[in-house]
Amino acid sequence: MSGEAEGAGSDDEGRGADEIEWGEGDPRVLFVMNLVLSTAFAAVVVYGLSYLDLAAFSAVNVASAALVLTAVTYLVTN
């Protein structure tokens, strides 16, 4: 039993936190995540603006805000 416990983490032994390399990930997955999260945030922002009677809560406004947020996020990260 002790042999199993010792061998379980043998790949990471001796590595410090600074030595772990992170991959960038699949760009398609990152783009979809960006689009979904930007849409959710845009819906909250447009809902808040409609609550304050500054903008109408509509699919066009949410989509427009989501596209702007997606573009800004893409430009900032690249």
C-alpha atoms as a PDB file:
ATOM      1  CA  MET A   1       0.000   0.000   0.000  1.00  0.00           C
ATOM      2  CA  SER A   2       2.803   2.443   0.717  1.00  0.00           C
ATOM      3  CA  GLY A   3       4.298   1.720  -2.708  1.00  0.00           C
ATOM      4  CA  GLU A   4       1.090   2.869  -4.391  1.00  0.00           C
ATOM      5  CA  ALA A   5       1.006   6.103  -2.414  1.00  0.00           C
ATOM      6  CA  GLU A   6       4.624   6.862  -3.241  1.00  0.00           C
ATOM      7  CA  GLY A   7       4.196   6.215  -6.959  1.00  0.00           C
ATOM      8  CA  ALA A   8       1.011   8.256  -7.298  1.00  0.00           C
ATOM      9  CA  GLY A   9       2.729  11.651  -7.416  1.00  0.00           C
ATOM     10  CA  SER A  10       6.122  10.624  -8.723  1.00  0.00           C
ATOM     11  CA  ASP A  11       5.791  12.685 -11.919  1.00  0.00           C
ATOM     12  CA  ASP A  12       5.534  15.958  -9.990  1.00  0.00           C
ATOM     13  CA  GLU A  13       8.119  15.241  -7.318  1.00  0.00           C
ATOM     14  CA  GLY A  14      10.985  17.669  -7.276  1.00  0.00           C
ATOM     15  CA  ARG A  15       9.162  20.275  -9.308  1.00  0.00           C
ATOM     16  CA  GLY A  16       8.622  23.697  -7.852  1.00  0.00           C
ATOM     17  CA  ALA A  17       5.664  25.925  -8.589  1.00  0.00           C
ATOM     18  CA  ASP A  18       7.847  27.998 -10.926  1.00  0.00           C
ATOM     19  CA  GLU A  19       8.687  25.008 -13.112  1.00  0.00           C
ATOM     20  CA  ILE A  20       5.134  24.108 -14.115  1.00  0.00           C
ATOM     21  CA  GLU A  21       4.431  25.100 -17.696  1.00  0.00           C
ATOM     22  CA  TRP A  22       0.903  26.005 -18.701  1.00  0.00           C
ATOM     23  CA  GLY A  23      -0.342  25.512 -22.230  1.00  0.00           C
ATOM     24  CA  GLU A  24      -2.252  28.238 -23.997  1.00  0.00           C
ATOM     25  CA  GLY A  25      -5.160  25.938 -24.811  1.00  0.00           C
ATOM     26  CA  ASP A  26      -7.198  25.431 -27.931  1.00  0.00           C
ATOM     27  CA  PRO A  27      -8.029  28.833 -29.472  1.00  0.00           C
ATOM     28  CA  ARG A  28     -11.509  27.650 -30.515  1.00  0.00           C
ATOM     29  CA  VAL A  29     -12.393  26.717 -26.948  1.00  0.00           C
ATOM     30  CA  LEU A  30     -11.023  30.018 -25.654  1.00  0.00           C
ATOM     31  CA  PHE A  31     -13.039  31.935 -28.251  1.00  0.00           C
ATOM     32  CA  VAL A  32     -16.282  30.143 -27.326  1.00  0.00           C
ATOM     33  CA  MET A  33     -15.618  30.725 -23.616  1.00  0.00           C
ATOM     34  CA  ASN A  34     -14.961  34.401 -24.347  1.00  0.00           C
ATOM     35  CA  LEU A  35     -18.181  34.646 -26.350  1.00  0.00           C
ATOM     36  CA  VAL A  36     -20.314  32.935 -23.688  1.00  0.00           C
ATOM     37  CA  LEU A  37     -18.883  34.927 -20.787  1.00  0.00           C
ATOM     38  CA  SER A  38     -19.080  38.208 -22.714  1.00  0.00           C
ATOM     39  CA  THR A  39     -22.717  37.494 -23.592  1.00  0.00           C
ATOM     40  CA  ALA A  40     -23.584  36.740 -19.979  1.00  0.00           C
ATOM     41  CA  PHE A  41     -21.862  39.919 -18.788  1.00  0.00           C
ATOM     42  CA  ALA A  42     -23.479  41.970 -21.561  1.00  0.00           C
ATOM     43  CA  ALA A  43     -26.916  40.644 -20.564  1.00  0.00           C
ATOM     44  CA  VAL A  44     -26.321  41.746 -16.968  1.00  0.00           C
ATOM     45  CA  VAL A  45     -25.096  45.186 -18.055  1.00  0.00           C
ATOM     46  CA  VAL A  46     -27.981  45.749 -20.477  1.00  0.00           C
ATOM     47  CA  TYR A  47     -30.451  44.538 -17.847  1.00  0.00           C
ATOM     48  CA  GLY A  48     -28.983  47.037 -15.390  1.00  0.00           C
ATOM     49  CA  LEU A  49     -29.236  49.821 -17.942  1.00  0.00           C
ATOM     50  CA  SER A  50     -32.845  48.892 -18.674  1.00  0.00           C
ATOM     51  CA  TYR A  51     -33.576  48.898 -14.948  1.00  0.00           C
ATOM     52  CA  LEU A  52     -32.306  52.481 -14.860  1.00  0.00           C
ATOM     53  CA  ASP A  53     -34.324  53.310 -18.017  1.00  0.00           C
ATOM     54  CA  LEU A  54     -31.172  54.154 -19.959  1.00  0.00           C
ATOM     55  CA  ALA A  55     -31.484  51.421 -22.603  1.00  0.00           C
ATOM     56  CA  ALA A  56     -34.007  48.847 -23.712  1.00  0.00           C
ATOM     57  CA  PHE A  57     -33.387  45.225 -22.795  1.00  0.00           C
ATOM     58  CA  SER A  58     -33.440  43.550 -26.211  1.00  0.00           C
ATOM     59  CA  ALA A  59     -31.568  40.827 -28.021  1.00  0.00           C
ATOM     60  CA  VAL A  60     -30.002  43.397 -30.346  1.00  0.00           C
ATOM     61  CA  ASN A  61     -28.586  45.427 -27.455  1.00  0.00           C
ATOM     62  CA  VAL A  62     -27.277  42.328 -25.687  1.00  0.00           C
ATOM     63  CA  ALA A  63     -25.707  40.989 -28.893  1.00  0.00           C
ATOM     64  CA  SER A  64     -24.129  44.358 -29.683  1.00  0.00           C
ATOM     65  CA  ALA A  65     -22.647  44.677 -26.214  1.00  0.00           C
ATOM     66  CA  ALA A  66     -21.445  41.069 -26.339  1.00  0.00           C
ATOM     67  CA  LEU A  67     -19.678  41.636 -29.663  1.00  0.00           C
ATOM     68  CA  VAL A  68     -17.996  44.779 -28.354  1.00  0.00           C
ATOM     69  CA  LEU A  69     -16.871  43.002 -25.172  1.00  0.00           C
ATOM     70  CA  THR A  70     -15.629  39.990 -27.141  1.00  0.00           C
ATOM     71  CA  ALA A  71     -13.624  42.220 -29.473  1.00  0.00           C
ATOM     72  CA  VAL A  72     -12.123  44.235 -26.630  1.00  0.00           C
ATOM     73  CA  THR A  73     -11.202  41.081 -24.719  1.00  0.00           C
ATOM     74  CA  TYR A  74      -9.624  39.585 -27.836  1.00  0.00           C
ATOM     75  CA  LEU A  75      -7.575  42.722 -28.480  1.00  0.00           C
ATOM     76  CA  VAL A  76      -6.415  42.972 -24.878  1.00  0.00           C
ATOM     77  CA  THR A  77      -5.336  39.331 -24.658  1.00  0.00           C
ATOM     78  CA  ASN A  78      -3.513  39.237 -27.996  1.00  0.00           C
END
